[in-house]
């Protein structure tokens, strides 16, 4: 969903994620930030980065 959306301000996508996946806005913002940290155009994911906070959820 996000990779096809060409919006410059992806932080504005958190409410849409929250609604689409029935999660809290806070969780949507965390997931969005993780996606932005890890996104690769080539789709090759050999390593995924996560924040300390997300590891405790």
Protein backbone atom coordinates (compact mmCIF):
# COMPACT_ATOMS: atom_id res chain seq x y z
CA UNK A 1 0.00 0.00 0.00
CA UNK A 2 2.66 2.49 1.01
CA UNK A 3 5.20 1.64 -1.67
CA UNK A 4 2.62 2.40 -4.37
CA UNK A 5 1.55 5.65 -2.75
CA UNK A 6 3.68 8.51 -4.05
CA UNK A 7 2.93 10.96 -1.27
CA UNK A 8 5.88 13.12 -0.20
CA UNK A 9 4.79 13.31 3.44
CA UNK A 10 4.49 9.66 4.43
CA UNK A 11 3.96 10.64 8.07
CA UNK A 12 0.53 11.76 6.94
CA UNK A 13 -0.25 8.12 6.12
CA UNK A 14 -0.44 7.01 9.77
CA UNK A 15 -4.18 7.73 10.14
CA UNK A 16 -4.89 5.73 6.96
CA UNK A 17 -2.85 2.80 8.27
CA UNK A 18 -4.59 3.02 11.62
CA UNK A 19 -7.99 2.80 9.94
CA UNK A 20 -7.05 0.16 7.38
CA UNK A 21 -5.53 -2.25 9.89
CA UNK A 22 -7.62 -1.38 12.96
CA UNK A 23 -4.60 -0.40 15.06
CA UNK A 24 -3.96 2.61 17.25
CA UNK A 25 -2.53 5.77 15.73
CA UNK A 26 0.59 5.38 17.89
CA UNK A 27 1.18 1.84 16.61
CA UNK A 28 0.58 2.99 13.03
CA UNK A 29 3.16 5.76 13.44
CA UNK A 30 5.70 3.28 14.83
CA UNK A 31 5.12 0.80 12.00
CA UNK A 32 5.30 3.58 9.42
CA UNK A 33 8.61 4.83 10.82
CA UNK A 34 10.02 1.28 10.72
CA UNK A 35 8.84 0.83 7.14
CA UNK A 36 10.50 4.10 6.11
CA UNK A 37 13.77 3.09 7.82
CA UNK A 38 13.82 -0.25 6.01
CA UNK A 39 12.29 0.50 2.59
CA UNK A 40 14.36 -0.50 -0.42
CA UNK A 41 13.38 0.13 -4.04
CA UNK A 42 14.90 -3.19 -5.13
CA UNK A 43 12.93 -5.20 -2.56
CA UNK A 44 16.04 -7.01 -1.33
CA UNK A 45 15.89 -7.21 2.44
CA UNK A 46 18.92 -8.91 3.95
CA UNK A 47 18.69 -7.00 7.22
CA UNK A 48 15.77 -5.21 8.89
CA UNK A 49 16.29 -2.38 11.36
CA UNK A 50 13.97 -1.79 14.30
CA UNK A 51 13.86 0.78 17.05
CA UNK A 52 14.41 -0.22 20.68
CA UNK A 53 10.85 0.77 21.48
CA UNK A 54 9.39 -1.51 18.81
CA UNK A 55 11.26 -4.51 20.18
CA UNK A 56 9.46 -4.13 23.51
CA UNK A 57 5.96 -4.07 22.01
